[in-house]
Amino acid sequence: MDEIQREDLTGSLRRKAVKKHVAAIHVSGKLTLLQRKLSNVLLLNAYDTLTSQTSHQIDARTLCQMIGYNSNDMDTLKQSLRGLAETVAEWDMLDEKGQQEWGVSSLLSYAKLKGGVCEYAYSHALADKLHDPKVFALINLNIQRRFTSGHSLALYENCYRFIRTGSTGWWSMDLFRRLMGLDGSSYYESYKHLNAKVIKPAVAEVNKTSNILIEPETRKRGRAVTDIRFKIRENPQLAILDMDDGKAVRHGPVYARLREHGVSDRLARQWITTHGEDQVAAKLEYVSQRKNVKSMVGYLSTALKEDFDGTEETAAPPKPTTARSERLQRMQAVINARTPTQRDADRRMFLSRIEDDVARADFEKYGWVTTHNTEAVYKFWEEVFPDIFEGIEE
């Protein structure tokens, strides 16, 4: 997915950001965990053309796989889509001119399944809000899939958008229960029950699972709890999971060296994500020692692709292309032809299939050239493009 520039607010809008919660858009909390994940996948798929297209499409089977349920279970998908169409999104904020704006819209204006394709749309007003990073924060699917509780994911979504301000601001208990999908439940009118069954477990899972750490604070009138807010800070141990904006990569020394040598921001992040910092650093050192290099960027790209180690200068003529290298070349060709959103979705979908921690870490570091997941990678791309490896002999 193309990088989302999270620009700071300016002028009076910036000064009122914390007090007015201009970054708040509240989605009715009465969604299952599956529906919340579905909502985020649909938004990710549509994001690049959210305001330029009136409808969006995604392969239904791919959608099911990304959410994590049986791709043949169309009834569950239909039920989840119906739930999103019946869900209300509401905003009450300052617009770009500093005027108060309230609005309400169904989360999806429509959805349909036909010929194995899911087509859906957002209302024009909601699409504008969802596309504005100052209003709505995209949820990283690599983080989302780790949640096992709908309440935890709901709390994470409603806290994450305030990461820059460090606090959600005070929410009335009525609003908090609505955000958690608990309005109308007499049992959770009791703060004791709400805290024990929802708040404490959800806070624990957010802090254990996600890229932020949250801490609840309450305000009382007499003995009754009337308001709650959550202090928010980055989780240093899991910040690497937040790969959308490339912050972690940009803070590294390898990225800085690449930029000094004229490598673009996007290409530098792509190389580091695909090959890993150690591999890129080794090839950068190797290329830096070569003489008469006309294009540092071009030579470095070739060194990474062909895995130069210095022996190629004195070695015998190159060997015929191996089956593995041919597979990698074909994979790279189809990957390059896909849009940024599709490439991001491909990586996230493949990650959702990996259960082994070592294999997961290897893929997160080396991408599609991972050695711990070679056969799984081949199988994945054969599912996407059945003829991709046709004619390759082992």
Protein backbone atom coordinates (compact mmCIF):
# COMPACT_ATOMS: atom_id res chain seq x y z
CA MET A 1 0.00 0.00 0.00
CA ASP A 2 1.22 3.53 -0.77
CA GLU A 3 2.52 5.32 2.24
CA ILE A 4 -0.02 7.41 4.11
CA GLN A 5 1.40 10.81 5.03
CA ARG A 6 0.19 11.61 8.56
CA GLU A 7 0.57 15.38 8.37
CA ASP A 8 0.11 17.43 11.51
CA LEU A 9 -2.90 19.68 11.82
CA THR A 10 -2.27 23.41 11.61
CA GLY A 11 -3.65 26.63 13.07
CA SER A 12 -6.73 26.54 15.28
CA LEU A 13 -7.47 23.01 14.16
CA ARG A 14 -4.16 21.87 15.62
CA ARG A 15 -4.69 23.68 18.91
CA LYS A 16 -8.10 22.07 19.38
CA ALA A 17 -7.04 18.58 18.29
CA VAL A 18 -6.82 17.13 21.78
CA LYS A 19 -9.77 18.96 23.28
CA LYS A 20 -12.17 18.43 20.39
CA HIS A 21 -10.96 15.02 19.25
CA VAL A 22 -11.04 16.11 15.61
CA ALA A 23 -9.51 12.74 14.73
CA ALA A 24 -12.53 10.85 16.03
CA ILE A 25 -14.89 8.85 13.86
CA HIS A 26 -16.92 6.39 15.85
CA VAL A 27 -18.12 3.14 14.35
CA SER A 28 -20.90 1.35 16.12
CA GLY A 29 -19.26 -1.21 18.37
CA LYS A 30 -21.80 -3.96 17.72
CA LEU A 31 -19.54 -5.84 15.35
CA THR A 32 -18.15 -9.31 15.78
CA LEU A 33 -14.39 -9.83 15.68
CA LEU A 34 -14.81 -11.29 12.20
CA GLN A 35 -16.79 -8.27 11.01
CA ARG A 36 -14.23 -5.85 12.37
CA LYS A 37 -11.45 -7.67 10.55
CA LEU A 38 -13.54 -7.75 7.38
CA SER A 39 -14.18 -4.02 7.61
CA ASN A 40 -10.47 -3.28 7.83
CA VAL A 41 -9.55 -5.57 4.93
CA LEU A 42 -12.18 -3.96 2.70
CA LEU A 43 -10.90 -0.51 3.62
CA LEU A 44 -7.31 -1.49 2.89
CA ASN A 45 -8.30 -2.93 -0.48
CA ALA A 46 -10.22 0.21 -1.45
CA TYR A 47 -7.95 2.84 0.05
CA ASP A 48 -5.92 3.83 -3.03
CA THR A 49 -9.10 4.62 -5.01
CA LEU A 50 -11.40 5.43 -2.11
CA THR A 51 -12.35 8.90 -3.35
CA SER A 52 -11.85 8.38 -7.08
CA GLN A 53 -14.04 5.29 -7.59
CA THR A 54 -17.66 4.80 -6.57
CA SER A 55 -17.29 1.05 -5.98
CA HIS A 56 -14.52 -1.43 -5.26
CA GLN A 57 -13.92 -5.11 -5.92
CA ILE A 58 -11.97 -7.93 -4.34
CA ASP A 59 -11.87 -11.64 -5.07
CA ALA A 60 -14.20 -13.28 -2.56
CA ARG A 61 -11.89 -16.23 -1.99
CA THR A 62 -8.96 -13.91 -1.33
CA LEU A 63 -11.10 -11.88 1.03
CA CYS A 64 -12.05 -14.98 3.02
CA GLN A 65 -8.43 -16.05 3.28
CA MET A 66 -7.33 -12.64 4.53
CA ILE A 67 -10.01 -12.67 7.20
CA GLY A 68 -9.13 -16.19 8.21
CA TYR A 69 -12.23 -18.25 7.56
CA ASN A 70 -13.18 -21.03 5.17
CA SER A 71 -13.13 -19.66 1.63
CA ASN A 72 -16.11 -21.88 0.76
CA ASP A 73 -18.28 -20.50 3.55
CA MET A 74 -20.15 -17.88 1.56
CA ASP A 75 -22.99 -17.79 4.09
CA THR A 76 -20.63 -16.45 6.76
CA LEU A 77 -19.28 -13.86 4.35
CA LYS A 78 -22.80 -12.77 3.40
CA GLN A 79 -23.77 -12.46 7.05
CA SER A 80 -20.68 -10.40 7.83
CA LEU A 81 -21.24 -8.07 4.86
CA ARG A 82 -24.87 -7.64 5.90
CA GLY A 83 -23.68 -6.65 9.36
CA LEU A 84 -21.38 -3.97 7.93
CA ALA A 85 -24.20 -2.56 5.79
CA GLU A 86 -26.36 -2.33 8.92
CA THR A 87 -23.61 -0.70 11.00
CA VAL A 88 -23.58 3.04 11.59
CA ALA A 89 -20.48 5.24 11.41
CA GLU A 90 -20.84 8.62 13.09
CA TRP A 91 -18.54 11.64 13.23
CA ASP A 92 -18.68 14.94 15.08
CA MET A 93 -15.62 17.06 14.39
CA LEU A 94 -14.18 20.27 13.04
CA ASP A 95 -13.89 20.52 9.27
CA GLU A 96 -10.98 22.09 7.40
CA LYS A 97 -12.53 25.57 7.94
CA GLY A 98 -12.90 25.09 11.67
CA GLN A 99 -16.67 24.58 11.51
CA GLN A 100 -18.33 21.83 13.52
CA GLU A 101 -19.55 18.95 11.36
CA TRP A 102 -21.73 16.05 12.42
CA GLY A 103 -22.55 13.19 10.09
CA VAL A 104 -23.81 9.64 10.03
CA SER A 105 -23.61 6.92 7.39
CA SER A 106 -23.88 3.17 7.07
CA LEU A 107 -20.43 1.62 7.08
CA LEU A 108 -21.05 0.11 3.62
CA SER A 109 -23.60 1.64 1.28
CA TYR A 110 -23.96 -1.72 -0.47
CA ALA A 111 -22.19 -5.03 -1.02
CA LYS A 112 -22.82 -7.85 -3.47
CA LEU A 113 -21.29 -11.19 -4.41
CA LYS A 114 -21.31 -12.25 -8.04
CA GLY A 115 -19.08 -14.56 -10.04
CA GLY A 116 -16.70 -15.09 -7.12
CA VAL A 117 -16.13 -11.34 -6.72
CA CYS A 118 -17.19 -9.12 -3.83
CA GLU A 119 -18.23 -5.63 -4.93
CA TYR A 120 -18.91 -2.95 -2.35
CA ALA A 121 -19.10 0.80 -1.86
CA TYR A 122 -18.95 3.54 0.75
CA SER A 123 -21.09 6.65 0.83
CA HIS A 124 -19.33 9.69 -0.61
CA ALA A 125 -19.27 11.49 2.73
CA LEU A 126 -17.84 8.51 4.62
CA ALA A 127 -15.27 7.80 1.90
CA ASP A 128 -13.89 11.31 2.33
CA LYS A 129 -13.54 10.78 6.08
CA LEU A 130 -11.99 7.33 5.80
CA HIS A 131 -9.44 8.56 3.26
CA ASP A 132 -8.24 11.42 5.46
CA PRO A 133 -5.46 10.13 7.78
CA LYS A 134 -6.15 13.03 10.16
CA VAL A 135 -9.65 11.62 10.66
CA PHE A 136 -9.31 7.86 10.49
CA ALA A 137 -6.33 5.59 11.09
CA LEU A 138 -5.91 2.52 8.93
CA ILE A 139 -5.46 -0.57 11.07
CA ASN A 140 -2.44 -2.71 10.26
CA LEU A 141 -3.76 -6.15 9.30
CA ASN A 142 -0.62 -7.81 10.58
CA ILE A 143 -1.59 -6.55 14.03
CA GLN A 144 -5.30 -7.08 13.62
CA ARG A 145 -5.04 -10.81 12.95
CA ARG A 146 -3.44 -11.34 16.37
CA PHE A 147 -6.54 -10.26 18.25
CA THR A 148 -8.84 -12.96 19.60
CA SER A 149 -11.48 -10.69 21.17
CA GLY A 150 -13.82 -8.27 19.44
CA HIS A 151 -13.79 -5.98 22.49
CA SER A 152 -9.99 -5.86 22.40
CA LEU A 153 -9.90 -4.98 18.70
CA ALA A 154 -12.62 -2.36 19.19
CA LEU A 155 -10.64 -0.77 22.01
CA TYR A 156 -7.44 -0.86 19.95
CA GLU A 157 -9.12 0.81 16.97
CA ASN A 158 -10.58 3.57 19.11
CA CYS A 159 -7.28 4.20 20.90
CA TYR A 160 -4.84 3.87 18.02
CA ARG A 161 -6.17 6.90 16.17
CA PHE A 162 -5.10 9.06 19.13
CA ILE A 163 -1.50 7.82 19.23
CA ARG A 164 -0.17 11.27 18.32
CA THR A 165 -2.00 13.03 21.15
CA GLY A 166 -1.16 10.42 23.77
CA SER A 167 -4.70 10.15 25.11
CA THR A 168 -8.22 9.44 23.90
CA GLY A 169 -9.61 12.28 25.96
CA TRP A 170 -12.49 11.70 28.32
CA TRP A 171 -15.34 9.50 27.14
CA SER A 172 -18.59 9.31 29.06
CA MET A 173 -19.35 5.78 30.20
CA ASP A 174 -22.40 5.76 27.91
CA LEU A 175 -20.20 6.57 24.90
CA PHE A 176 -17.59 4.01 25.93
CA ARG A 177 -20.20 1.27 26.24
CA ARG A 178 -21.51 2.22 22.79
CA LEU A 179 -18.01 2.05 21.27
CA MET A 180 -17.58 -1.40 22.78
CA GLY A 181 -20.99 -2.52 21.48
CA LEU A 182 -22.40 -2.87 24.98
CA ASP A 183 -25.13 -0.24 24.98
CA GLY A 184 -28.49 -1.72 25.90
CA SER A 185 -26.95 -4.29 28.24
CA SER A 186 -28.10 -3.80 31.81
CA TYR A 187 -25.32 -6.08 33.07
CA TYR A 188 -22.62 -3.69 31.89
CA GLU A 189 -24.36 -0.66 33.41
CA SER A 190 -22.37 -1.71 36.47
CA TYR A 191 -18.79 -0.42 36.23
CA LYS A 192 -17.66 -3.35 38.37
CA HIS A 193 -18.90 -5.81 35.75
CA LEU A 194 -17.70 -3.68 32.85
CA ASN A 195 -14.21 -3.36 34.30
CA ALA A 196 -13.85 -7.05 35.16
CA LYS A 197 -15.32 -8.54 31.99
CA VAL A 198 -14.37 -5.99 29.31
CA ILE A 199 -11.91 -3.25 30.26
CA LYS A 200 -9.22 -5.26 32.05
CA PRO A 201 -9.13 -8.18 29.57
CA ALA A 202 -9.20 -5.82 26.57
CA VAL A 203 -6.41 -3.60 27.93
CA ALA A 204 -4.31 -6.70 28.66
CA GLU A 205 -4.71 -8.03 25.10
CA VAL A 206 -4.03 -4.65 23.48
CA ASN A 207 -0.83 -4.26 25.49
CA LYS A 208 0.30 -7.81 24.79
CA THR A 209 -0.72 -7.97 21.14
CA SER A 210 -0.41 -4.58 19.49
CA ASN A 211 2.03 -1.77 18.76
CA ILE A 212 0.62 0.50 21.49
CA LEU A 213 0.40 0.40 25.26
CA ILE A 214 -2.71 1.82 26.90
CA GLU A 215 -3.62 2.66 30.47
CA PRO A 216 -7.18 3.46 31.59
CA GLU A 217 -8.04 6.36 33.90
CA THR A 218 -11.47 7.05 35.36
CA ARG A 219 -13.30 10.07 36.69
CA LYS A 220 -15.97 9.84 39.39
CA ARG A 221 -18.96 11.78 40.65
CA GLY A 222 -19.33 10.66 44.20
CA ARG A 223 -18.76 6.91 44.15
CA ALA A 224 -19.97 6.39 40.59
CA VAL A 225 -17.55 6.24 37.64
CA THR A 226 -18.78 8.74 35.04
CA ASP A 227 -15.96 8.99 32.49
CA ILE A 228 -12.99 7.02 31.22
CA ARG A 229 -9.96 7.81 29.08
CA PHE A 230 -6.93 5.87 27.94
CA LYS A 231 -3.35 7.10 27.98
CA ILE A 232 -1.51 5.83 24.91
CA ARG A 233 2.14 5.31 24.02
CA GLU A 234 4.03 3.20 21.54
CA ASN A 235 4.88 -0.36 22.49
CA PRO A 236 8.66 -0.51 21.86
CA GLN A 237 8.69 -4.32 21.78
CA LEU A 238 6.03 -4.63 19.11
CA ALA A 239 6.51 -1.41 17.17
CA ILE A 240 8.06 -3.43 14.32
CA LEU A 241 4.58 -4.76 13.58
CA ASP A 242 3.48 -1.29 12.51
CA MET A 243 5.03 -1.51 9.03
CA ASP A 244 2.62 0.76 7.17
CA ASP A 245 4.55 4.01 7.37
CA GLY A 246 8.12 2.64 7.40
CA LYS A 247 9.09 4.50 10.59
CA ALA A 248 11.10 1.61 12.04
CA VAL A 249 13.00 1.11 8.78
CA ARG A 250 13.73 4.81 8.39
CA HIS A 251 15.32 5.00 11.81
CA GLY A 252 17.95 2.38 10.95
CA PRO A 253 21.56 3.05 9.90
CA VAL A 254 21.26 0.95 6.73
CA TYR A 255 18.39 3.08 5.47
CA ALA A 256 20.43 6.23 6.13
CA ARG A 257 23.39 4.89 4.16
CA LEU A 258 21.18 3.92 1.24
CA ARG A 259 19.72 7.41 1.11
CA GLU A 260 23.23 8.90 1.17
CA HIS A 261 24.03 6.87 -1.94
CA GLY A 262 21.01 8.25 -3.79
CA VAL A 263 18.56 5.39 -3.26
CA SER A 264 14.98 6.63 -3.13
CA ASP A 265 12.95 6.35 0.06
CA ARG A 266 10.55 3.80 -1.42
CA LEU A 267 13.27 1.62 -2.94
CA ALA A 268 15.36 1.71 0.24
CA ARG A 269 12.41 0.51 2.31
CA GLN A 270 11.56 -2.14 -0.27
CA TRP A 271 15.10 -3.55 -0.28
CA ILE A 272 15.33 -3.63 3.50
CA THR A 273 11.91 -5.26 3.84
CA THR A 274 12.63 -7.84 1.14
CA HIS A 275 16.28 -8.70 1.86
CA GLY A 276 16.77 -7.71 5.49
CA GLU A 277 19.13 -5.07 6.91
CA ASP A 278 22.11 -7.42 7.24
CA GLN A 279 21.92 -8.54 3.60
CA VAL A 280 21.50 -5.00 2.30
CA ALA A 281 24.35 -3.74 4.50
CA ALA A 282 26.67 -6.49 3.20
CA LYS A 283 25.87 -5.74 -0.44
CA LEU A 284 26.20 -2.00 0.19
CA GLU A 285 29.67 -2.53 1.62
CA TYR A 286 30.58 -4.75 -1.32
CA VAL A 287 29.39 -2.24 -3.93
CA SER A 288 31.09 0.66 -2.13
CA GLN A 289 34.45 -1.04 -2.65
CA ARG A 290 33.98 -1.52 -6.40
CA LYS A 291 35.80 0.84 -8.75
CA ASN A 292 34.41 2.62 -11.80
CA VAL A 293 30.80 2.07 -10.80
CA LYS A 294 28.72 4.33 -13.04
CA SER A 295 25.41 3.81 -11.25
CA MET A 296 25.59 2.97 -7.57
CA VAL A 297 21.83 2.35 -7.39
CA GLY A 298 21.79 0.13 -10.46
CA TYR A 299 24.82 -1.90 -9.38
CA LEU A 300 23.45 -2.31 -5.86
CA SER A 301 20.12 -3.48 -7.26
CA THR A 302 21.91 -6.12 -9.35
CA ALA A 303 24.08 -7.16 -6.42
CA LEU A 304 21.01 -7.79 -4.29
CA LYS A 305 19.12 -9.57 -7.06
CA GLU A 306 22.03 -11.80 -8.10
CA ASP A 307 23.47 -12.12 -4.57
CA PHE A 308 26.95 -10.90 -5.51
CA ASP A 309 29.68 -11.86 -3.05
CA GLY A 310 32.82 -11.02 -5.05
CA THR A 311 33.35 -14.44 -6.60
CA GLU A 312 31.50 -13.51 -9.79
CA GLU A 313 34.46 -11.39 -10.95
CA THR A 314 36.81 -14.40 -11.25
CA ALA A 315 34.36 -17.25 -11.49
CA ALA A 316 33.68 -19.42 -14.49
CA PRO A 317 30.90 -18.48 -16.89
CA PRO A 318 27.53 -18.30 -15.15
CA LYS A 319 25.65 -21.53 -14.69
CA PRO A 320 22.34 -22.08 -16.42
CA THR A 321 19.38 -20.60 -14.56
CA THR A 322 18.29 -22.89 -11.74
CA ALA A 323 14.68 -23.82 -11.07
CA ARG A 324 14.74 -21.73 -7.89
CA SER A 325 16.06 -18.62 -9.60
CA GLU A 326 13.55 -19.05 -12.43
CA ARG A 327 10.75 -19.29 -9.90
CA LEU A 328 12.00 -16.19 -8.11
CA GLN A 329 12.20 -14.26 -11.38
CA ARG A 330 8.64 -15.17 -12.33
CA MET A 331 7.40 -14.34 -8.84
CA GLN A 332 9.15 -10.98 -8.92
CA ALA A 333 7.64 -10.21 -12.32
CA VAL A 334 4.07 -10.74 -11.13
CA ILE A 335 4.75 -8.94 -7.86
CA ASN A 336 6.09 -5.90 -9.70
CA ALA A 337 2.96 -5.86 -11.88
CA ARG A 338 0.65 -5.66 -8.87
CA THR A 339 -0.45 -2.42 -7.26
CA PRO A 340 1.04 -1.32 -3.91
CA THR A 341 -2.23 -2.22 -2.21
CA GLN A 342 -2.25 -5.68 -3.76
CA ARG A 343 1.40 -6.29 -2.79
CA ASP A 344 0.67 -5.26 0.77
CA ALA A 345 -2.39 -7.51 0.89
CA ASP A 346 -0.38 -10.43 -0.55
CA ARG A 347 2.21 -10.15 2.20
CA ARG A 348 -0.41 -9.88 4.92
CA MET A 349 -2.39 -12.81 3.58
CA PHE A 350 0.72 -15.01 3.46
CA LEU A 351 1.70 -13.93 6.99
CA SER A 352 -1.73 -14.96 8.25
CA ARG A 353 -0.98 -18.53 7.16
CA ILE A 354 2.33 -18.87 9.02
CA GLU A 355 1.95 -20.40 12.47
CA ASP A 356 5.60 -21.04 13.31
CA ASP A 357 7.27 -18.02 14.97
CA VAL A 358 10.67 -18.69 13.37
CA ALA A 359 9.15 -18.99 9.91
CA ARG A 360 7.11 -15.84 10.50
CA ALA A 361 10.16 -13.87 11.58
CA ASP A 362 12.09 -15.09 8.54
CA PHE A 363 9.37 -13.92 6.17
CA GLU A 364 9.02 -10.56 7.92
CA LYS A 365 12.77 -10.07 7.50
CA TYR A 366 13.41 -11.48 4.01
CA GLY A 367 10.02 -11.31 2.33
CA TRP A 368 9.35 -13.65 -0.60
CA VAL A 369 12.97 -14.90 -0.70
CA THR A 370 12.51 -16.43 2.75
CA THR A 371 14.28 -19.78 3.08
CA HIS A 372 12.06 -21.06 5.90
CA ASN A 373 8.91 -20.80 3.79
CA THR A 374 10.07 -21.67 0.28
CA GLU A 375 7.49 -24.34 -0.52
CA ALA A 376 4.70 -22.36 1.13
CA VAL A 377 5.65 -19.33 -0.97
CA TYR A 378 5.51 -21.37 -4.18
CA LYS A 379 2.13 -22.80 -3.20
CA PHE A 380 0.78 -19.34 -2.39
CA TRP A 381 1.71 -17.86 -5.77
CA GLU A 382 0.42 -20.93 -7.62
CA GLU A 383 -2.95 -20.34 -5.97
CA VAL A 384 -2.93 -16.72 -7.14
CA PHE A 385 -1.52 -17.45 -10.62
CA PRO A 386 -2.03 -21.19 -11.40
CA ASP A 387 0.29 -21.15 -14.45
CA ILE A 388 3.10 -19.10 -12.92
CA PHE A 389 5.63 -21.97 -12.71
CA GLU A 390 4.51 -23.91 -15.78
CA GLY A 391 7.40 -25.45 -17.72
CA ILE A 392 10.01 -25.15 -14.94
CA GLU A 393 11.88 -28.41 -14.46
CA GLU A 394 13.37 -29.24 -11.10
